[in-house]
Amino acid sequence: MLTSIAGRSVIVTGASKGIGKGIARVFASKGAKVLVVSRHQAEAEKTVEEIKKAGGSASAFAADVSQLADMEKMAEAAISRQGGIDILCANAGIFPAAKIKDMTPEDFDNVIAINLKGTFLSIKACLPAMKKKGKGRIVITSSITGPITGYPGWTHYGASKAGQLGFMRTAAIELAPANITVNAVMPGNIKTEGLDGLGPDYLKKMSASVPQGRLGTVEDIAYAALFFASDEAGYITGQTMVIDGGQILPESLMALEEMLAS
């Protein structure tokens, strides 16, 4: 299954760390040619080095997803290096915390520019190449935060992630005649490098909110993205997949306590 990924040209934005890095690694492990996109060239090159050591094919590209000119250059790089664009994983995102009383308009605008506008611009830049090929796959990294849940300090982040899904549903309709699908993965609590410095007690608390009793891995998200990007998922568009170990299911802490008592 999913043999259709081999040889495909893939762009992954925000691919130098976290979920994006996991997506890039998994796609490369299945034989895809991956353009690793990050704001910082050196960080992108580190990911490329890891992929190549594991036997995969990848190259690095520095770009800011909030800038259309950068996204157009990114698309040009994928075409020249990888022979076109088959798959875009629009993953780039930031999640700075700020309560409403402390948040500035600039804070809000920055999150929206990267997370939501960046999704739009990266897709817009890749469309001509996908249409030329006669098909394409777009996978957006959204979140459970915003579309389903909330967390203090993340109003701007939640708005951007909910906005991605509103964008996705109409984009899926617009692009269906071109045989381009648009879907989204919605991660729950995922263990990434960003959590390493928070300590074991913090990680234990986070894990306790998940019925499966553990945080997700970047690979858990990557394999969901891989499915959406495959030929096998060609009749699926405008859809979301929650990958959270059951995190959104309990209606209260009491539900988790009952689970452990049974």
Protein backbone atom coordinates (compact mmCIF):
# COMPACT_ATOMS: atom_id res chain seq x y z
CA MET A 1 0.00 0.00 0.00
CA LEU A 2 1.01 3.62 -0.64
CA THR A 3 3.57 2.58 -3.23
CA SER A 4 2.39 5.59 -5.25
CA ILE A 5 4.63 7.87 -3.15
CA ALA A 6 7.87 6.52 -4.66
CA GLY A 7 9.46 8.94 -7.11
CA ARG A 8 7.04 11.77 -6.36
CA SER A 9 8.16 15.37 -5.93
CA VAL A 10 7.21 16.61 -2.48
CA ILE A 11 7.49 20.00 -0.79
CA VAL A 12 7.32 20.17 3.00
CA THR A 13 7.23 23.63 4.58
CA GLY A 14 8.43 24.08 8.15
CA ALA A 15 10.45 20.91 7.64
CA SER A 16 13.56 21.63 9.70
CA LYS A 17 12.06 20.47 13.00
CA GLY A 18 9.07 18.93 14.72
CA ILE A 19 6.18 17.51 12.73
CA GLY A 20 7.49 18.92 9.45
CA LYS A 21 10.80 17.18 9.89
CA GLY A 22 8.99 13.94 10.63
CA ILE A 23 6.87 14.32 7.51
CA ALA A 24 9.95 14.97 5.37
CA ARG A 25 11.74 11.91 6.79
CA VAL A 26 8.79 9.56 6.28
CA PHE A 27 8.09 10.70 2.71
CA ALA A 28 11.77 10.33 1.83
CA SER A 29 11.82 6.85 3.37
CA LYS A 30 9.04 5.87 0.94
CA GLY A 31 11.08 6.97 -2.06
CA ALA A 32 9.85 10.53 -2.56
CA LYS A 33 12.09 13.42 -3.58
CA VAL A 34 11.66 16.00 -0.82
CA LEU A 35 12.28 19.74 -0.84
CA VAL A 36 12.91 20.63 2.80
CA VAL A 37 11.72 24.20 3.33
CA SER A 38 12.60 26.34 6.34
CA ARG A 39 13.19 30.00 7.07
CA HIS A 40 16.78 29.08 7.91
CA GLN A 41 18.97 27.42 5.29
CA ALA A 42 21.35 25.85 7.82
CA GLU A 43 18.50 24.15 9.69
CA ALA A 44 16.99 22.85 6.45
CA GLU A 45 20.37 21.45 5.45
CA LYS A 46 20.65 19.55 8.74
CA THR A 47 17.37 17.79 8.00
CA VAL A 48 18.52 17.03 4.46
CA GLU A 49 21.73 15.53 5.83
CA GLU A 50 19.71 13.22 8.11
CA ILE A 51 17.49 12.14 5.24
CA LYS A 52 20.43 11.43 2.96
CA LYS A 53 22.22 9.42 5.65
CA ALA A 54 19.10 7.25 5.86
CA GLY A 55 19.20 6.70 2.10
CA GLY A 56 16.58 9.26 1.07
CA SER A 57 16.54 12.01 -1.53
CA ALA A 58 16.19 15.62 -0.38
CA SER A 59 17.45 19.16 -0.82
CA ALA A 60 17.17 22.32 1.26
CA PHE A 61 15.47 25.61 0.48
CA ALA A 62 15.17 28.74 2.64
CA ALA A 63 11.90 30.64 2.38
CA ASP A 64 9.35 32.62 4.37
CA VAL A 65 5.86 31.19 3.80
CA SER A 66 4.26 34.58 4.46
CA GLN A 67 5.90 36.01 1.32
CA LEU A 68 4.47 35.13 -2.10
CA ALA A 69 7.78 35.79 -3.88
CA ASP A 70 9.50 33.27 -1.59
CA MET A 71 6.79 30.68 -2.24
CA GLU A 72 7.07 31.17 -6.00
CA LYS A 73 10.84 30.66 -5.79
CA MET A 74 10.21 27.55 -3.68
CA ALA A 75 7.95 26.13 -6.37
CA GLU A 76 10.54 26.94 -9.05
CA ALA A 77 13.19 25.10 -7.02
CA ALA A 78 11.03 21.99 -6.73
CA ILE A 79 10.36 22.04 -10.46
CA SER A 80 14.01 22.45 -11.42
CA ARG A 81 15.40 20.00 -8.85
CA GLN A 82 12.65 17.39 -8.72
CA GLY A 83 10.90 17.61 -12.09
CA GLY A 84 7.67 19.23 -10.93
CA ILE A 85 5.40 19.25 -7.89
CA ASP A 86 3.20 16.29 -6.98
CA ILE A 87 2.61 16.85 -3.27
CA LEU A 88 2.62 19.89 -1.00
CA CYS A 89 2.63 19.44 2.76
CA ALA A 90 1.72 22.91 4.02
CA ASN A 91 3.06 22.42 7.51
CA ALA A 92 4.85 25.63 8.51
CA GLY A 93 3.49 27.20 11.65
CA ILE A 94 4.34 29.01 14.87
CA PHE A 95 2.69 28.84 18.29
CA PRO A 96 3.84 31.61 20.61
CA ALA A 97 1.73 31.90 23.75
CA ALA A 98 0.07 35.19 24.75
CA LYS A 99 -3.11 35.92 26.68
CA ILE A 100 -5.53 38.36 25.03
CA LYS A 101 -4.77 41.08 27.61
CA ASP A 102 -1.07 40.91 26.74
CA MET A 103 -1.29 40.15 23.01
CA THR A 104 -0.43 42.96 20.61
CA PRO A 105 -1.96 43.38 17.17
CA GLU A 106 1.47 42.57 15.78
CA ASP A 107 1.55 39.28 17.71
CA PHE A 108 -1.82 38.31 16.26
CA ASP A 109 -0.92 39.37 12.72
CA ASN A 110 2.35 37.42 12.78
CA VAL A 111 0.67 34.14 13.71
CA ILE A 112 -2.06 34.61 11.10
CA ALA A 113 0.51 35.59 8.46
CA ILE A 114 2.58 32.45 8.90
CA ASN A 115 -0.02 29.84 9.83
CA LEU A 116 -2.99 30.88 7.70
CA LYS A 117 -1.75 33.23 5.01
CA GLY A 118 1.31 31.00 4.61
CA THR A 119 -0.96 28.05 3.84
CA PHE A 120 -2.72 30.08 1.15
CA LEU A 121 0.49 31.38 -0.41
CA SER A 122 2.29 28.04 -0.49
CA ILE A 123 -0.71 26.42 -2.17
CA LYS A 124 -1.15 29.29 -4.63
CA ALA A 125 2.50 29.04 -5.69
CA CYS A 126 2.33 25.29 -6.30
CA LEU A 127 -0.92 25.21 -8.28
CA PRO A 128 0.48 25.92 -11.77
CA ALA A 129 2.90 22.99 -11.55
CA MET A 130 0.24 20.63 -10.19
CA LYS A 131 -2.24 21.64 -12.88
CA LYS A 132 0.43 21.07 -15.52
CA LYS A 133 0.83 17.50 -14.25
CA GLY A 134 -2.92 16.97 -14.22
CA LYS A 135 -3.14 16.09 -10.54
CA GLY A 136 -1.83 16.98 -7.11
CA ARG A 137 -2.08 16.33 -3.41
CA ILE A 138 -2.14 19.05 -0.75
CA VAL A 139 -1.95 18.18 2.94
CA ILE A 140 -2.37 20.94 5.51
CA THR A 141 -1.13 20.58 9.08
CA SER A 142 -3.89 22.05 11.23
CA SER A 143 -4.46 21.16 14.91
CA ILE A 144 -7.13 20.09 17.36
CA THR A 145 -6.53 23.48 19.04
CA GLY A 146 -8.88 25.97 17.44
CA PRO A 147 -11.12 23.72 15.35
CA ILE A 148 -12.10 21.48 18.31
CA THR A 149 -10.41 22.52 21.56
CA GLY A 150 -9.05 25.67 23.14
CA TYR A 151 -6.12 26.53 25.38
CA PRO A 152 -5.42 29.80 27.24
CA GLY A 153 -2.79 31.86 25.47
CA TRP A 154 -3.49 30.47 22.02
CA THR A 155 -6.40 32.51 20.71
CA HIS A 156 -4.34 33.65 17.71
CA TYR A 157 -3.02 30.15 17.07
CA GLY A 158 -6.48 28.61 17.42
CA ALA A 159 -7.94 31.16 15.03
CA SER A 160 -5.27 30.39 12.45
CA LYS A 161 -5.80 26.63 12.70
CA ALA A 162 -9.58 26.88 12.47
CA GLY A 163 -9.11 29.27 9.55
CA GLN A 164 -7.02 26.69 7.70
CA LEU A 165 -9.98 24.30 7.70
CA GLY A 166 -12.37 26.93 6.39
CA PHE A 167 -9.88 27.69 3.63
CA MET A 168 -9.40 23.97 2.89
CA ARG A 169 -13.06 23.16 2.30
CA THR A 170 -13.57 25.77 -0.40
CA ALA A 171 -10.11 25.15 -1.88
CA ALA A 172 -11.02 21.47 -2.21
CA ILE A 173 -14.09 22.40 -4.27
CA GLU A 174 -12.19 24.86 -6.46
CA LEU A 175 -9.35 22.43 -7.17
CA ALA A 176 -11.37 19.23 -7.64
CA PRO A 177 -11.79 19.75 -11.43
CA ALA A 178 -7.97 19.86 -11.69
CA ASN A 179 -7.71 16.48 -9.90
CA ILE A 180 -6.04 18.15 -6.91
CA THR A 181 -7.12 17.05 -3.44
CA VAL A 182 -6.83 19.17 -0.29
CA ASN A 183 -7.02 17.54 3.14
CA ALA A 184 -5.78 18.30 6.66
CA VAL A 185 -4.20 16.41 9.53
CA MET A 186 -5.10 17.61 13.03
CA PRO A 187 -2.47 16.66 15.61
CA GLY A 188 -3.10 16.50 19.33
CA ASN A 189 -0.24 16.56 21.85
CA ILE A 190 2.86 15.52 19.93
CA LYS A 191 6.34 15.02 21.38
CA THR A 192 8.73 17.29 19.52
CA GLU A 193 12.04 19.00 20.26
CA GLY A 194 10.10 21.96 21.67
CA LEU A 195 9.03 19.88 24.68
CA ASP A 196 12.48 18.59 25.59
CA GLY A 197 13.26 21.40 28.04
CA LEU A 198 9.93 21.29 29.88
CA GLY A 199 10.84 18.41 32.16
CA PRO A 200 9.36 14.98 32.93
CA ASP A 201 6.56 16.30 35.19
CA TYR A 202 5.19 18.47 32.39
CA LEU A 203 5.31 15.60 29.90
CA LYS A 204 3.62 13.32 32.41
CA LYS A 205 0.77 15.81 32.84
CA MET A 206 0.35 16.12 29.09
CA SER A 207 0.33 12.35 28.63
CA ALA A 208 -2.27 11.97 31.39
CA SER A 209 -4.82 13.87 29.28
CA VAL A 210 -4.57 11.28 26.49
CA PRO A 211 -6.57 8.03 26.84
CA GLN A 212 -3.73 6.09 25.21
CA GLY A 213 -1.47 7.40 27.97
CA ARG A 214 1.26 8.77 25.73
CA LEU A 215 2.11 11.72 23.55
CA GLY A 216 2.02 11.21 19.81
CA THR A 217 5.15 11.01 17.69
CA VAL A 218 5.94 13.03 14.61
CA GLU A 219 5.73 9.77 12.67
CA ASP A 220 2.11 9.33 13.81
CA ILE A 221 1.28 12.55 11.99
CA ALA A 222 3.56 11.85 9.03
CA TYR A 223 1.91 8.55 8.16
CA ALA A 224 -1.52 10.20 8.17
CA ALA A 225 -0.17 12.85 5.79
CA LEU A 226 1.37 10.09 3.68
CA PHE A 227 -2.03 8.46 3.26
CA PHE A 228 -3.73 11.70 2.21
CA ALA A 229 -0.91 12.26 -0.31
CA SER A 230 -1.22 8.84 -1.93
CA ASP A 231 -3.02 7.75 -5.08
CA GLU A 232 -4.97 5.40 -2.85
CA ALA A 233 -6.62 8.44 -1.21
CA GLY A 234 -7.53 10.01 -4.54
CA TYR A 235 -11.28 10.11 -3.83
CA ILE A 236 -10.85 11.92 -0.50
CA THR A 237 -10.84 15.71 -0.47
CA GLY A 238 -11.82 18.49 1.90
CA GLN A 239 -11.51 16.13 4.86
CA THR A 240 -9.71 16.14 8.19
CA MET A 241 -8.06 13.43 10.26
CA VAL A 242 -7.59 13.84 14.02
CA ILE A 243 -4.44 12.12 15.29
CA ASP A 244 -4.50 12.52 19.06
CA GLY A 245 -4.63 9.16 20.86
CA GLY A 246 -8.22 9.91 21.84
CA GLN A 247 -7.37 13.22 23.53
CA ILE A 248 -10.54 15.04 22.46
CA LEU A 249 -12.90 12.20 23.50
CA PRO A 250 -13.26 12.49 27.33
CA GLU A 251 -15.96 14.96 28.33
CA SER A 252 -14.20 15.64 31.65
CA LEU A 253 -11.30 14.56 33.86
CA MET A 254 -13.80 12.24 35.56
CA ALA A 255 -14.07 10.27 32.31
CA LEU A 256 -10.34 9.57 32.41
CA GLU A 257 -10.55 8.62 36.08
CA GLU A 258 -13.33 6.16 35.28
CA MET A 259 -11.24 4.74 32.44
CA LEU A 260 -8.38 4.00 34.83
CA ALA A 261 -10.73 2.57 37.46
CA SER A 262 -12.35 0.07 35.10
